[in-house]
Amino acid sequence: MVLTEATSSTFNYFAFGSNLFSKRIRMESPTAVRKGIGFLENYRLDFFHYAARWRGAPATIVEDKGHRVWGAIWEIGIENLPDLDKQEGVHNQVYKPLTLPICTTKGETLQCRVYQLVKNPPKLESIEETRPFERQPSQTYMNIIIRGATETGLPIEYVEYLNTIKHNGHSGDPHFEIDLAVQDKLH
């Protein structure tokens, strides 16, 4: 297993939520270049903490042995680090940045910046347990995650899993959706 670092002018970032989608991440981090896909071992994907912009719960990672979270590995210019921290609400103590080992499909391990909610949810009792409303992402948020997962080339089984996550039916911030539509037209 090879441990790979970013250069001094860039950093590696592991995206598992809305920043899977290239148009979303480039809104705040225009230097982002997708380097591939990877997974975080012994963590699960979950949702918690109502976010007004999304009108639902945003994604987080929670330690959980035997689980795996797939995502995109981005290399981002260091000049965009404050913008990414701001987007993730680090200044408001919504998310905290971590540096964790991400396994690539090539067998390498990359040290990547990852964001985890400051307050994480407990594990659901079973797969069949209904996700409580306060832990449901909005329909808009899930659509962007799934669109990003497909665009990134995450394993089809994982994309299918994402499609099973119950959302709350809300659309997100209309202004934000307009921003993404404008980004679509520009590219």
Protein backbone atom coordinates (compact mmCIF):
# COMPACT_ATOMS: atom_id res chain seq x y z
CA MET A 1 0.00 0.00 0.00
CA VAL A 2 1.46 3.37 -1.02
CA LEU A 3 0.86 6.50 1.03
CA THR A 4 0.45 9.47 -1.28
CA GLU A 5 0.36 13.13 -0.25
CA ALA A 6 -0.72 16.21 -2.16
CA THR A 7 1.82 18.88 -3.06
CA SER A 8 2.51 21.89 -0.84
CA SER A 9 0.24 24.02 -3.04
CA THR A 10 -2.66 21.54 -3.04
CA PHE A 11 -4.50 19.22 -0.69
CA ASN A 12 -6.50 16.03 -1.17
CA TYR A 13 -10.17 16.16 -0.28
CA PHE A 14 -12.58 13.23 0.01
CA ALA A 15 -16.16 14.16 -0.91
CA PHE A 16 -19.08 11.87 -0.03
CA GLY A 17 -22.00 14.34 -0.10
CA SER A 18 -23.01 17.16 -2.45
CA ASN A 19 -19.35 17.82 -3.35
CA LEU A 20 -19.30 14.56 -5.28
CA PHE A 21 -20.91 16.62 -8.04
CA SER A 22 -18.30 18.63 -9.97
CA LYS A 23 -20.52 21.66 -10.53
CA ARG A 24 -21.23 21.85 -6.80
CA ILE A 25 -17.64 21.69 -5.60
CA ARG A 26 -16.40 24.14 -8.21
CA MET A 27 -18.85 26.77 -6.96
CA GLU A 28 -16.56 27.31 -3.94
CA SER A 29 -13.38 25.53 -5.03
CA PRO A 30 -12.77 26.29 -8.72
CA THR A 31 -9.30 24.68 -8.59
CA ALA A 32 -10.78 21.24 -7.77
CA VAL A 33 -9.62 18.40 -10.02
CA ARG A 34 -11.13 14.95 -9.55
CA LYS A 35 -8.31 12.44 -9.12
CA GLY A 36 -10.45 9.34 -8.85
CA ILE A 37 -12.63 7.44 -6.44
CA GLY A 38 -11.94 5.89 -3.10
CA PHE A 39 -13.50 4.67 0.10
CA LEU A 40 -13.26 5.30 3.80
CA GLU A 41 -13.12 1.99 5.65
CA ASN A 42 -15.01 1.40 8.92
CA TYR A 43 -17.28 4.42 8.57
CA ARG A 44 -20.92 4.64 7.52
CA LEU A 45 -22.74 7.39 5.64
CA ASP A 46 -25.45 9.04 7.71
CA PHE A 47 -27.45 12.29 7.87
CA PHE A 48 -28.12 14.64 10.76
CA HIS A 49 -28.46 18.33 11.76
CA TYR A 50 -31.10 20.22 9.76
CA ALA A 51 -29.50 22.56 7.21
CA ALA A 52 -31.66 25.49 6.13
CA ARG A 53 -29.99 25.76 2.71
CA TRP A 54 -30.83 22.16 1.92
CA ARG A 55 -34.09 22.01 3.92
CA GLY A 56 -33.00 18.68 5.33
CA ALA A 57 -30.18 16.80 7.00
CA PRO A 58 -26.73 16.92 5.38
CA ALA A 59 -24.40 13.95 5.04
CA THR A 60 -21.78 12.95 7.57
CA ILE A 61 -19.46 10.05 8.25
CA VAL A 62 -19.71 8.05 11.46
CA GLU A 63 -17.23 5.43 12.67
CA ASP A 64 -18.80 2.00 12.26
CA LYS A 65 -16.70 -1.14 11.89
CA GLY A 66 -17.45 -3.18 8.79
CA HIS A 67 -18.96 -0.32 6.79
CA ARG A 68 -17.53 1.67 3.91
CA VAL A 69 -18.25 5.15 2.50
CA TRP A 70 -17.42 5.71 -1.17
CA GLY A 71 -16.58 9.10 -2.59
CA ALA A 72 -14.61 11.32 -4.94
CA ILE A 73 -11.00 12.24 -4.35
CA TRP A 74 -10.36 15.85 -5.33
CA GLU A 75 -7.05 17.68 -5.47
CA ILE A 76 -7.71 21.32 -4.61
CA GLY A 77 -5.49 24.40 -4.61
CA ILE A 78 -4.56 25.46 -1.08
CA GLU A 79 -5.99 28.90 -1.84
CA ASN A 80 -9.49 27.32 -1.82
CA LEU A 81 -9.10 25.74 1.64
CA PRO A 82 -10.70 28.70 3.50
CA ASP A 83 -13.60 28.65 1.01
CA LEU A 84 -14.18 24.93 1.50
CA ASP A 85 -14.03 25.32 5.30
CA LYS A 86 -16.59 28.13 5.06
CA GLN A 87 -18.86 26.09 2.77
CA GLU A 88 -18.77 23.26 5.33
CA GLY A 89 -19.60 25.59 8.22
CA VAL A 90 -16.39 25.01 10.16
CA HIS A 91 -16.59 28.60 11.49
CA ASN A 92 -20.09 27.88 12.84
CA GLN A 93 -19.05 24.52 14.29
CA VAL A 94 -21.35 22.58 11.95
CA TYR A 95 -18.60 20.37 10.51
CA LYS A 96 -15.07 19.70 11.71
CA PRO A 97 -12.20 18.91 9.34
CA LEU A 98 -10.36 15.62 9.76
CA THR A 99 -7.47 14.04 7.89
CA LEU A 100 -8.23 10.37 7.25
CA PRO A 101 -6.74 7.58 5.10
CA ILE A 102 -8.76 6.99 1.94
CA CYS A 103 -8.22 3.77 -0.01
CA THR A 104 -8.16 4.07 -3.80
CA THR A 105 -9.24 1.42 -6.26
CA LYS A 106 -5.55 1.20 -7.27
CA GLY A 107 -4.58 0.00 -3.79
CA GLU A 108 -3.05 3.28 -2.65
CA THR A 109 -3.87 5.13 0.54
CA LEU A 110 -4.25 8.90 0.35
CA GLN A 111 -4.39 11.22 3.34
CA CYS A 112 -7.44 13.37 2.60
CA ARG A 113 -9.27 16.20 4.24
CA VAL A 114 -12.75 14.98 5.21
CA TYR A 115 -15.56 16.84 6.97
CA GLN A 116 -17.61 15.26 9.73
CA LEU A 117 -20.55 16.84 11.53
CA VAL A 118 -19.58 18.05 14.99
CA LYS A 119 -22.66 16.26 16.35
CA ASN A 120 -23.26 12.86 14.77
CA PRO A 121 -26.36 10.66 14.96
CA PRO A 122 -26.57 7.31 16.73
CA LYS A 123 -26.74 4.18 14.60
CA LEU A 124 -30.22 3.14 13.48
CA GLU A 125 -31.33 -0.07 15.18
CA SER A 126 -31.65 -1.94 11.88
CA ILE A 127 -31.66 -1.43 8.14
CA GLU A 128 -35.45 -1.71 8.24
CA GLU A 129 -35.81 1.05 10.86
CA THR A 130 -37.41 4.13 9.37
CA ARG A 131 -35.01 7.06 9.23
CA PRO A 132 -36.43 9.71 11.61
CA PHE A 133 -37.55 12.92 9.91
CA GLU A 134 -34.73 14.98 11.48
CA ARG A 135 -32.26 12.58 9.86
CA GLN A 136 -33.76 12.72 6.39
CA PRO A 137 -31.98 14.70 3.67
CA SER A 138 -34.00 16.79 1.26
CA GLN A 139 -34.91 15.45 -2.15
CA THR A 140 -32.73 18.12 -3.80
CA TYR A 141 -29.71 17.18 -1.69
CA MET A 142 -30.07 13.47 -2.44
CA ASN A 143 -30.52 14.18 -6.15
CA ILE A 144 -27.23 16.12 -6.17
CA ILE A 145 -25.43 13.36 -4.24
CA ILE A 146 -26.73 10.67 -6.61
CA ARG A 147 -25.93 12.78 -9.66
CA GLY A 148 -22.41 13.31 -8.31
CA ALA A 149 -21.97 9.62 -7.44
CA THR A 150 -22.96 8.65 -10.98
CA GLU A 151 -20.77 11.35 -12.55
CA THR A 152 -17.82 10.26 -10.35
CA GLY A 153 -18.22 6.60 -11.31
CA LEU A 154 -18.84 5.18 -7.86
CA PRO A 155 -19.73 1.46 -7.79
CA ILE A 156 -23.26 0.82 -9.06
CA GLU A 157 -24.16 -1.04 -5.84
CA TYR A 158 -23.30 2.07 -3.83
CA VAL A 159 -25.33 4.33 -6.15
CA GLU A 160 -28.24 1.91 -5.76
CA TYR A 161 -27.82 2.15 -1.97
CA LEU A 162 -27.93 5.97 -2.19
CA ASN A 163 -31.21 5.67 -4.11
CA THR A 164 -32.75 3.80 -1.15
CA ILE A 165 -32.08 6.58 1.39
CA LYS A 166 -35.38 8.09 2.47
CA HIS A 167 -35.60 11.84 1.84
CA ASN A 168 -38.04 14.31 3.39
CA GLY A 169 -39.61 15.38 0.08
CA HIS A 170 -38.42 19.00 0.35
CA SER A 171 -36.58 20.80 -2.38
CA GLY A 172 -33.58 22.80 -1.25
CA ASP A 173 -32.81 26.48 -1.51
CA PRO A 174 -34.23 27.63 -4.88
CA HIS A 175 -31.36 30.11 -5.27
CA PHE A 176 -28.86 27.28 -4.87
CA GLU A 177 -30.67 25.19 -7.48
CA ILE A 178 -30.55 28.18 -9.85
CA ASP A 179 -26.79 28.48 -9.22
CA LEU A 180 -26.35 24.83 -10.24
CA ALA A 181 -28.51 25.34 -13.33
CA VAL A 182 -26.35 28.32 -14.34
CA GLN A 183 -23.22 26.21 -13.80
CA ASP A 184 -24.76 23.52 -16.06
CA LYS A 185 -25.30 26.05 -18.86
CA LEU A 186 -21.73 27.35 -18.55
CA HIS A 187 -20.18 23.92 -19.00
